[in-house]
Each structure stands twice: as structure tokens, then as C-alpha cells.
């Protein structure tokens, strides 16, 4: 990172659930940055429960007797914006820089505080000079809130990417990036692939040596792979050819069939097969794997004339995040009045570009030899393009 830029964020290892739903066993970082120049720019703040540590980082980083000239707000989500009011009151000469949409939303986050003429609205492509450092503001609406912008420092060849290129877990750059970045992307940003593609087009042609996101490590050096993965994810393209077998089993019979299905898929030539137990495995990781792979098999029991809830939640999450352009096979199980298969089909039929592989299969309790033969047919048909 450029010598004039100092990260002052906080690594939160106390948090168990990000956004009260995503398991983060290795915590998450709230990143914040200062650019030192003739004018000092502070980029974003942190989550409220890490405010004290962040304030210490900020005050110890600033020159004696000086405050930031600008607070640049890329994103108003509370994990990045909780200290806006504190900064603006503690440093009365500081001006807040944000988009027009963020300006309108500001009272909802910072409270009914009137910052008067200390707010500078910027539009897409606007620039600001700090002295040596020339900043350009790039609006990024719906990546993943409407007020978001990114900041490109042309002098430092650094992109401050808001939630883009973020990652759950340790901000140490030596920790492999892709797995937790993928889980973060599809569960936080994934629905908004088209806006992400728009931003990537804005970045084309810019010299970028460093990407500084609001979560996770600062990315430096050869950025080719990070950008390639983001383009793949944003376009809803296949990253890993293979099949995810996702199952939700009440008494174990559907689980047994799911494991057999995995073996049949391998025998049919699937290049990779992953199996996830939706009753026990991390839901967010299952969503990530579904987006990552080219094919999906869902297998669930009927429950109260509907879909066993862990499977219903999984498919509902896929729909929320814009799951599309995949081949899906459906297998349900019911001793009497089986309904899960029909209900699962209805959910997938509302998604864009989903091909449901025929024929479906209904198990009636324990898997039989005849069921295995039909599962072989499903495996062959699923992999046939």
C-alpha cells in the first residue's frame, strides 16, 4: 500500500454472526483508511461495538493537533458508518463527502444531526484533489446498497472498493482469499451481479495496483485472479464444473439416497461432486457451492405436505440471491402424500434460466433397486448438455 495511506480498521474476532445470520468463525474486519496529503481524507468508519478501538487508531494516526479534512463515506451500512456523527462533532472543520443518495439516507444512520454546509455531494466520475493524490468517485448503486460509491486514487493506483472484493474472516493477506470471499460475495452481494458488472466496466482501463475493501485483506500485487473471479461471479457463470448434491433428511433415508446419488454422479463422469447436509452444514456455504458449480441435485423429504424446512430455506436463499443458469435435478421422499418434489419444482421455475432435468424421482421411504436405476438415468440426463 502507498506510503501516504494508512489502514486504521479493526479486526473483530468477537462476532459470531455477521448480519445476524452468517457464521464467521474467524471473525471479520471493519476496514477504514486515511490518506495523508495537503488535505487529510478519512475513508469510512467501523461498527459501533468496535468504536473505541477505532477511535484510538484514528487519533494515534493523525498528526498532533490535526483532524481529517474530509470524511469520505462509501457505504452507509452500520458496520461502516456508526462513527459518522462522532467524527463530524469531534472534528468541526471536517466535511463529509458522499453521493446524493447517501446524503438523503444519512439521517437514518447518523441520526437527526444537521451538518449544514459541511456535506459535499459527488456524482459518478467527479474528482477531488488532496494535493498529490487525485481521487475519482465511482458510483456503485446496488453493490449492494443504493448509496454506495467506490474511490479510485489515481496517484496511489489504489481502488477503495467499498464492500466489493470483501471477505469474511482474517484480514491477513497471507490467508487464502477465494473461499471466504466467495461465501461473502454470493451471500451479501450475489443478487446484484449486473450492478457489479457495471462497476467492473467502469474500472476497465484504470491502473490498479491495490484494492482496499471494507472487509478482509488489502489486495496487492497481481490482481488478475481476483478480477477474473469477480467477473465470473457477477456474470453468474460456472466457476467449477461439477455437481452439488444438497439434501435435507428427517430420518436418514434421504441422506442414504443422497450419498448413493453422489457415487452415481461420479460414475457417470461428473468432474467434481460435493455433498451438503442442509440440516447440519453452513447454509451460506451451501449457497456459495450452488453458485460455484454447474449442476445441482436437491433431495428432500416431504414435511407437513410441503418441503422439509432446511431445504425450503436453502431454495429460498438461492432465489433471494438470484440463482440462475443452472441444470437442476429434483428428488423427493415421502411415505405417503409426497409433495416436496412438486413444491421444489415450483420454486425453481420462478428462477431465471433454470433447466429442470427430467424425469423427477419420488422415493417412498427406503431407496430400492428400482430407485437406483432411475437415479442412474437422472445422473446421465443431468450431465448431458
Protein backbone atom coordinates (compact mmCIF):
# COMPACT_ATOMS: atom_id res chain seq x y z
CA UNK A 1 0.00 0.00 0.00
CA UNK A 2 1.16 3.53 -0.81
CA UNK A 3 3.21 5.21 1.93
CA UNK A 4 0.65 8.03 2.25
CA UNK A 5 -2.19 5.62 3.03
CA UNK A 6 -2.67 4.07 6.45
CA UNK A 7 -5.25 1.39 7.34
CA UNK A 8 -6.85 2.08 10.73
CA UNK A 9 -9.59 -0.53 10.76
CA UNK A 10 -10.39 -3.12 13.42
CA UNK A 11 -10.34 -6.91 13.22
CA UNK A 12 -13.43 -8.13 15.09
CA UNK A 13 -12.81 -11.61 16.47
CA UNK A 14 -15.69 -11.41 18.94
CA UNK A 15 -18.51 -11.53 16.39
CA UNK A 16 -20.23 -14.90 15.95
CA UNK A 17 -22.80 -13.96 13.28
CA UNK A 18 -22.32 -11.32 10.61
CA UNK A 19 -25.60 -9.55 9.81
CA UNK A 20 -27.05 -11.84 12.50
CA UNK A 21 -27.08 -14.79 10.08
CA UNK A 22 -23.66 -15.64 8.61
CA UNK A 23 -21.34 -17.76 10.73
CA UNK A 24 -17.90 -16.14 10.98
CA UNK A 25 -15.68 -18.49 12.99
CA UNK A 26 -12.65 -16.34 12.16
CA UNK A 27 -14.47 -13.05 12.70
CA UNK A 28 -14.47 -10.17 10.25
CA UNK A 29 -12.59 -6.91 9.78
CA UNK A 30 -14.10 -3.45 9.53
CA UNK A 31 -11.64 -1.57 7.35
CA UNK A 32 -11.04 2.16 7.40
CA UNK A 33 -8.26 4.18 5.78
CA UNK A 34 -6.54 7.56 6.00
CA UNK A 35 -4.88 9.28 3.03
CA UNK A 36 -2.27 11.81 4.22
CA UNK A 37 -1.62 14.73 1.87
CA UNK A 38 -2.03 18.52 1.92
CA UNK A 39 -5.57 17.59 2.85
CA UNK A 40 -6.25 14.52 5.00
CA UNK A 41 -9.04 12.17 3.90
CA UNK A 42 -10.60 9.57 6.18
CA UNK A 43 -12.41 6.79 4.35
CA UNK A 44 -15.29 5.22 6.29
CA UNK A 45 -15.59 4.26 9.95
CA UNK A 46 -16.43 0.97 11.68
CA UNK A 47 -19.09 -0.95 13.56
CA UNK A 48 -20.32 0.59 16.81
CA UNK A 49 -19.12 -2.16 19.14
CA UNK A 50 -15.54 -1.63 17.92
CA UNK A 51 -15.79 2.16 18.02
CA UNK A 52 -13.47 2.71 20.97
CA UNK A 53 -10.59 0.80 19.42
CA UNK A 54 -11.13 2.54 16.07
CA UNK A 55 -11.12 5.98 17.69
CA UNK A 56 -7.80 5.15 19.31
CA UNK A 57 -6.43 4.03 15.94
CA UNK A 58 -7.63 7.24 14.31
CA UNK A 59 -6.35 9.68 16.92
CA UNK A 60 -2.96 7.97 17.21
CA UNK A 61 -2.54 8.03 13.41
CA UNK A 62 -3.37 11.72 12.95
CA UNK A 63 -0.66 14.36 13.35
CA UNK A 64 -0.73 16.22 16.65
CA UNK A 65 -3.43 18.89 16.59
CA UNK A 66 -4.78 17.93 13.18
CA UNK A 67 -8.00 16.25 12.14
CA UNK A 68 -9.29 14.91 8.85
CA UNK A 69 -10.34 17.49 6.30
CA UNK A 70 -12.73 15.03 4.68
CA UNK A 71 -14.71 12.01 5.80
CA UNK A 72 -15.45 10.06 2.63
CA UNK A 73 -18.46 7.79 3.10
CA UNK A 74 -18.54 4.97 0.61
CA UNK A 75 -21.28 2.96 2.29
CA UNK A 76 -23.83 3.75 5.00
CA UNK A 77 -24.37 0.26 6.35
CA UNK A 78 -23.95 0.46 10.15
CA UNK A 79 -20.83 -1.72 10.25
CA UNK A 80 -19.05 1.06 8.33
CA UNK A 81 -20.92 4.19 9.33
CA UNK A 82 -21.51 4.10 13.08
CA UNK A 83 -18.94 6.81 13.82
CA UNK A 84 -20.01 9.45 11.31
CA UNK A 85 -21.66 11.64 13.93
CA UNK A 86 -18.68 11.28 16.28
CA UNK A 87 -16.19 12.28 13.56
CA UNK A 88 -18.25 15.27 12.46
CA UNK A 89 -18.71 16.53 16.01
CA UNK A 90 -15.14 15.79 17.14
CA UNK A 91 -13.58 17.45 14.09
CA UNK A 92 -15.73 20.52 13.35
CA UNK A 93 -13.67 21.50 10.28
CA UNK A 94 -14.23 18.12 8.62
CA UNK A 95 -16.50 17.89 5.58
CA UNK A 96 -18.44 14.76 4.73
CA UNK A 97 -18.17 13.54 1.12
CA UNK A 98 -20.87 11.21 -0.21
CA UNK A 99 -23.32 10.59 -3.03
CA UNK A 100 -26.63 12.41 -3.25
CA UNK A 101 -28.42 9.20 -2.35
CA UNK A 102 -26.23 8.79 0.73
CA UNK A 103 -26.97 12.40 1.71
CA UNK A 104 -30.69 11.64 1.72
CA UNK A 105 -30.16 8.44 3.70
CA UNK A 106 -27.74 9.98 6.19
CA UNK A 107 -30.31 10.88 8.90
CA UNK A 108 -31.41 7.24 9.00
CA UNK A 109 -27.90 6.21 10.06
CA UNK A 110 -26.27 9.20 11.73
CA UNK A 111 -29.41 10.47 13.41
CA UNK A 112 -31.18 13.83 13.02
CA UNK A 113 -27.95 15.82 13.00
CA UNK A 114 -27.66 18.83 10.74
CA UNK A 115 -24.18 19.01 9.25
CA UNK A 116 -25.17 22.12 7.34
CA UNK A 117 -22.83 23.11 4.51
CA UNK A 118 -20.24 20.55 5.60
CA UNK A 119 -21.65 17.93 3.22
CA UNK A 120 -20.15 17.65 -0.25
CA UNK A 121 -22.21 15.65 -2.73
CA UNK A 122 -20.29 13.92 -5.50
CA UNK A 123 -21.54 12.26 -8.67
CA UNK A 124 -20.11 9.48 -10.81
CA UNK A 125 -16.75 10.49 -12.26
CA UNK A 126 -16.28 13.57 -10.07
CA UNK A 127 -12.75 14.21 -8.87
CA UNK A 128 -11.13 15.75 -5.80
CA UNK A 129 -7.53 16.79 -5.21
CA UNK A 130 -5.93 16.28 -1.82
CA UNK A 131 -2.64 17.73 -3.08
CA UNK A 132 -0.58 14.99 -4.70
CA UNK A 133 -3.40 12.49 -4.51
CA UNK A 134 -6.14 12.79 -7.11
CA UNK A 135 -9.34 10.97 -6.18
CA UNK A 136 -12.12 9.92 -8.52
CA UNK A 137 -15.53 8.87 -7.24
CA UNK A 138 -17.26 5.95 -8.95
CA UNK A 139 -20.88 5.38 -8.02
CA UNK A 140 -21.76 1.73 -7.44
CA UNK A 141 -25.51 1.67 -6.76
CA UNK A 142 -26.81 -1.69 -5.51
CA UNK A 143 -23.36 -3.06 -4.78
CA UNK A 144 -25.09 -3.77 -2.54
CA UNK A 145 -26.97 -0.69 -1.24
CA UNK A 146 -28.22 2.20 -3.41
CA UNK A 147 -25.89 4.88 -1.99
CA UNK A 148 -22.59 3.04 -2.50
CA UNK A 149 -19.59 4.53 -4.23
CA UNK A 150 -16.00 3.45 -4.69
CA UNK A 151 -12.98 5.75 -4.65
CA UNK A 152 -10.06 5.50 -7.07
CA UNK A 153 -6.80 7.14 -6.02
CA UNK A 154 -5.02 7.70 -9.34
CA UNK A 155 -1.78 8.73 -7.64
CA UNK A 156 -1.53 5.61 -5.49
CA UNK A 157 -3.20 3.43 -8.14
CA UNK A 158 -5.45 2.23 -5.35
CA UNK A 159 -9.13 1.32 -5.55
CA UNK A 160 -11.10 1.73 -2.34
CA UNK A 161 -13.78 -0.78 -3.28
CA UNK A 162 -16.42 -0.47 -0.52
CA UNK A 163 -17.93 -3.95 0.04
CA UNK A 164 -16.61 -5.11 -3.32
CA UNK A 165 -13.77 -7.65 -3.08
CA UNK A 166 -14.56 -8.10 0.61
CA UNK A 167 -14.10 -11.29 2.58
CA UNK A 168 -15.21 -12.86 5.81
CA UNK A 169 -12.52 -13.86 8.28
CA UNK A 170 -8.95 -12.84 8.97
CA UNK A 171 -7.69 -9.72 7.11
CA UNK A 172 -4.20 -11.22 6.94
CA UNK A 173 -3.31 -11.25 3.20
CA UNK A 174 -1.37 -14.49 3.65
CA UNK A 175 -4.64 -16.33 4.37
CA UNK A 176 -6.11 -17.78 1.12
CA UNK A 177 -8.67 -15.32 -0.21
CA UNK A 178 -11.10 -17.08 -2.52
CA UNK A 179 -13.13 -19.39 -0.26
CA UNK A 180 -14.35 -16.80 2.25
CA UNK A 181 -14.52 -14.10 -0.43
CA UNK A 182 -16.81 -16.34 -2.48
CA UNK A 183 -19.05 -17.10 0.51
CA UNK A 184 -19.16 -13.37 1.27
CA UNK A 185 -19.91 -12.40 -2.34
CA UNK A 186 -22.80 -14.78 -3.04
CA UNK A 187 -24.48 -14.24 0.32
CA UNK A 188 -24.02 -10.47 0.59
CA UNK A 189 -23.65 -9.10 -2.94
CA UNK A 190 -24.69 -12.04 -5.10
CA UNK A 191 -28.15 -10.84 -6.09
CA UNK A 192 -26.64 -7.76 -7.69
CA UNK A 193 -24.48 -9.29 -10.39
CA UNK A 194 -25.50 -6.78 -13.06
CA UNK A 195 -24.55 -3.73 -10.94
CA UNK A 196 -21.24 -5.41 -10.16
CA UNK A 197 -20.63 -5.92 -13.88
CA UNK A 198 -21.36 -2.22 -14.45
CA UNK A 199 -18.74 -1.22 -11.88
CA UNK A 200 -16.19 -3.63 -13.35
CA UNK A 201 -16.69 -1.92 -16.72
CA UNK A 202 -16.01 1.46 -15.09
CA UNK A 203 -12.75 0.08 -13.73
CA UNK A 204 -11.57 -1.26 -17.08
CA UNK A 205 -8.51 0.60 -18.28
CA UNK A 206 -7.61 2.05 -14.88
CA UNK A 207 -4.21 1.23 -13.47
CA UNK A 208 -4.94 -0.58 -10.21
CA UNK A 209 -2.10 -1.93 -8.10
CA UNK A 210 -4.04 -2.17 -4.83
CA UNK A 211 -7.64 -2.97 -3.92
CA UNK A 212 -8.63 -1.81 -0.44
CA UNK A 213 -12.06 -3.22 0.54
CA UNK A 214 -14.14 -2.58 3.63
CA UNK A 215 -13.82 -6.20 4.79
CA UNK A 216 -10.90 -8.56 4.54
CA UNK A 217 -7.31 -8.06 3.39
CA UNK A 218 -5.87 -5.31 1.24
CA UNK A 219 -5.17 -6.96 -2.13
CA UNK A 220 -1.83 -6.10 -3.73
CA UNK A 221 0.43 -7.35 -6.50
CA UNK A 222 -1.04 -9.33 -9.37
CA UNK A 223 -4.78 -8.70 -9.16
CA UNK A 224 -5.68 -10.78 -12.22
CA UNK A 225 -7.22 -13.71 -10.36
CA UNK A 226 -9.32 -11.53 -8.05
CA UNK A 227 -10.74 -9.65 -11.03
CA UNK A 228 -11.30 -12.85 -13.00
CA UNK A 229 -13.28 -14.41 -10.17
CA UNK A 230 -15.37 -11.28 -9.70
CA UNK A 231 -16.22 -11.21 -13.40
CA UNK A 232 -17.22 -14.89 -13.23
CA UNK A 233 -19.33 -14.42 -10.13
CA UNK A 234 -21.00 -11.23 -11.36
CA UNK A 235 -21.98 -12.91 -14.64
CA UNK A 236 -23.44 -15.94 -12.80
CA UNK A 237 -21.05 -18.14 -14.76
CA UNK A 238 -19.78 -21.55 -13.70
CA UNK A 239 -16.57 -21.42 -11.73
CA UNK A 240 -16.18 -25.15 -11.07
CA UNK A 241 -17.72 -27.77 -13.40
CA UNK A 242 -19.41 -30.33 -11.20
CA UNK A 243 -22.46 -31.18 -9.14
CA UNK A 244 -23.62 -30.12 -5.71
CA UNK A 245 -25.90 -32.68 -4.07
CA UNK A 246 -27.87 -30.84 -1.40
CA UNK A 247 -30.15 -32.89 0.83
CA UNK A 248 -32.44 -32.48 3.81
CA UNK A 249 -33.30 -35.76 5.51
CA UNK A 250 -35.54 -36.38 8.51
CA UNK A 251 -34.73 -39.97 9.49
CA UNK A 252 -31.72 -40.72 7.32
CA UNK A 253 -33.32 -42.44 4.33
CA UNK A 254 -32.97 -39.40 2.07
CA UNK A 255 -29.42 -38.95 3.35
CA UNK A 256 -28.58 -42.52 2.34
CA UNK A 257 -30.02 -41.91 -1.12
CA UNK A 258 -28.06 -38.64 -1.46
CA UNK A 259 -24.78 -40.41 -0.81
CA UNK A 260 -25.69 -43.05 -3.39
CA UNK A 261 -26.57 -40.28 -5.84
CA UNK A 262 -23.15 -38.77 -5.36
CA UNK A 263 -21.48 -42.07 -6.26
CA UNK A 264 -23.69 -42.47 -9.32
CA UNK A 265 -22.75 -38.98 -10.50
CA UNK A 266 -19.06 -39.78 -10.16
CA UNK A 267 -19.59 -42.98 -12.13
CA UNK A 268 -21.46 -41.01 -14.80
CA UNK A 269 -18.44 -38.76 -15.28
CA UNK A 270 -19.10 -35.70 -13.11
CA UNK A 271 -15.74 -33.91 -12.79
CA UNK A 272 -16.46 -32.97 -9.18
CA UNK A 273 -19.21 -33.91 -6.74
CA UNK A 274 -19.85 -32.17 -3.42
CA UNK A 275 -22.48 -33.24 -0.89
CA UNK A 276 -24.03 -30.96 1.73
CA UNK A 277 -26.36 -31.85 4.58
CA UNK A 278 -28.65 -28.84 4.83
CA UNK A 279 -29.72 -29.82 8.34
CA UNK A 280 -26.17 -29.52 9.67
CA UNK A 281 -23.87 -27.72 7.26
CA UNK A 282 -23.48 -23.97 6.95
CA UNK A 283 -26.35 -22.64 4.85
CA UNK A 284 -24.22 -19.80 3.46
CA UNK A 285 -21.57 -22.26 2.30
CA UNK A 286 -24.23 -24.38 0.60
CA UNK A 287 -25.45 -21.28 -1.27
CA UNK A 288 -21.86 -20.48 -2.26
CA UNK A 289 -21.34 -24.01 -3.62
CA UNK A 290 -24.57 -23.93 -5.60
CA UNK A 291 -23.46 -20.76 -7.38
CA UNK A 292 -19.95 -22.07 -7.84
CA UNK A 293 -20.83 -25.34 -9.55
CA UNK A 294 -22.51 -26.12 -12.86
CA UNK A 295 -25.18 -28.58 -11.71
CA UNK A 296 -27.39 -29.08 -8.67
CA UNK A 297 -29.31 -32.02 -7.24
CA UNK A 298 -31.81 -31.26 -4.48
CA UNK A 299 -33.16 -34.14 -2.37
CA UNK A 300 -35.66 -33.54 0.41
CA UNK A 301 -38.35 -35.19 2.46
CA UNK A 302 -41.96 -34.11 2.44
CA UNK A 303 -42.92 -32.43 5.70
CA UNK A 304 -46.44 -31.31 6.62
CA UNK A 305 -47.45 -31.60 2.96
CA UNK A 306 -44.61 -29.27 1.99
CA UNK A 307 -40.82 -29.19 1.76
CA UNK A 308 -38.75 -30.15 4.79
CA UNK A 309 -37.80 -26.67 6.11
CA UNK A 310 -33.98 -26.86 5.76
CA UNK A 311 -34.43 -27.48 2.03
CA UNK A 312 -37.11 -24.82 1.71
CA UNK A 313 -34.76 -22.31 3.37
CA UNK A 314 -31.94 -23.28 1.01
CA UNK A 315 -34.00 -22.85 -2.16
CA UNK A 316 -35.48 -19.63 -0.78
CA UNK A 317 -31.95 -18.30 -0.21
CA UNK A 318 -30.98 -19.25 -3.77
CA UNK A 319 -33.98 -17.35 -5.10
CA UNK A 320 -33.17 -14.29 -2.97
CA UNK A 321 -29.61 -14.22 -4.28
CA UNK A 322 -30.56 -14.54 -7.94
CA UNK A 323 -29.60 -18.17 -8.63
CA UNK A 324 -29.80 -18.80 -12.37
CA UNK A 325 -28.47 -20.52 -15.47
CA UNK A 326 -28.03 -23.97 -13.94
CA UNK A 327 -29.28 -27.52 -14.53
CA UNK A 328 -31.20 -28.89 -11.54
CA UNK A 329 -32.42 -32.41 -10.73
CA UNK A 330 -35.16 -32.90 -8.14
CA UNK A 331 -35.68 -35.95 -5.91
CA UNK A 332 -38.16 -36.03 -3.06
CA UNK A 333 -39.16 -38.59 -0.47
CA UNK A 334 -42.50 -39.34 1.15
CA UNK A 335 -44.04 -42.43 2.66
CA UNK A 336 -47.48 -41.06 1.89
CA UNK A 337 -48.79 -37.99 0.01
CA UNK A 338 -45.34 -36.88 -1.20
CA UNK A 339 -45.38 -33.18 -2.08
CA UNK A 340 -41.83 -31.87 -1.74
CA UNK A 341 -40.86 -32.59 -5.35
CA UNK A 342 -43.74 -30.60 -6.79
CA UNK A 343 -43.14 -27.73 -4.37
CA UNK A 344 -39.40 -27.62 -5.11
CA UNK A 345 -40.10 -27.56 -8.84
CA UNK A 346 -42.43 -24.59 -8.38
CA UNK A 347 -39.73 -22.67 -6.53
CA UNK A 348 -37.10 -23.31 -9.20
CA UNK A 349 -39.50 -22.50 -12.03
CA UNK A 350 -39.59 -18.90 -10.80
CA UNK A 351 -35.81 -18.53 -11.22
CA UNK A 352 -34.16 -17.29 -14.40
CA UNK A 353 -32.52 -19.76 -16.75
CA UNK A 354 -33.05 -22.89 -14.65
CA UNK A 355 -33.34 -26.16 -16.57
CA UNK A 356 -35.12 -28.84 -14.54
CA UNK A 357 -33.85 -32.25 -15.56
CA UNK A 358 -36.41 -34.93 -16.33
CA UNK A 359 -37.60 -37.25 -15.04
CA UNK A 360 -38.04 -36.28 -11.41
CA UNK A 361 -37.99 -39.05 -8.84
CA UNK A 362 -40.09 -39.67 -5.75
CA UNK A 363 -38.73 -42.08 -3.18
CA UNK A 364 -41.15 -43.81 -0.83
CA UNK A 365 -39.10 -44.27 2.28
CA UNK A 366 -36.13 -46.59 1.81
CA UNK A 367 -34.32 -46.45 -1.51
CA UNK A 368 -34.98 -49.51 -3.68
CA UNK A 369 -33.05 -51.09 -6.55
CA UNK A 370 -35.60 -49.60 -8.94
CA UNK A 371 -34.92 -46.17 -7.43
CA UNK A 372 -31.20 -46.63 -8.01
CA UNK A 373 -31.83 -47.36 -11.69
CA UNK A 374 -33.89 -44.20 -12.02
CA UNK A 375 -31.17 -42.25 -10.21
CA UNK A 376 -28.64 -43.53 -12.78
CA UNK A 377 -30.89 -42.10 -15.50
CA UNK A 378 -31.13 -38.80 -13.67
CA UNK A 379 -27.34 -38.65 -13.31
CA UNK A 380 -26.88 -39.26 -17.04
CA UNK A 381 -29.55 -36.73 -18.04
CA UNK A 382 -28.25 -34.11 -15.62
CA UNK A 383 -24.74 -34.22 -17.09
CA UNK A 384 -25.94 -34.32 -20.71
CA UNK A 385 -25.57 -30.87 -22.26
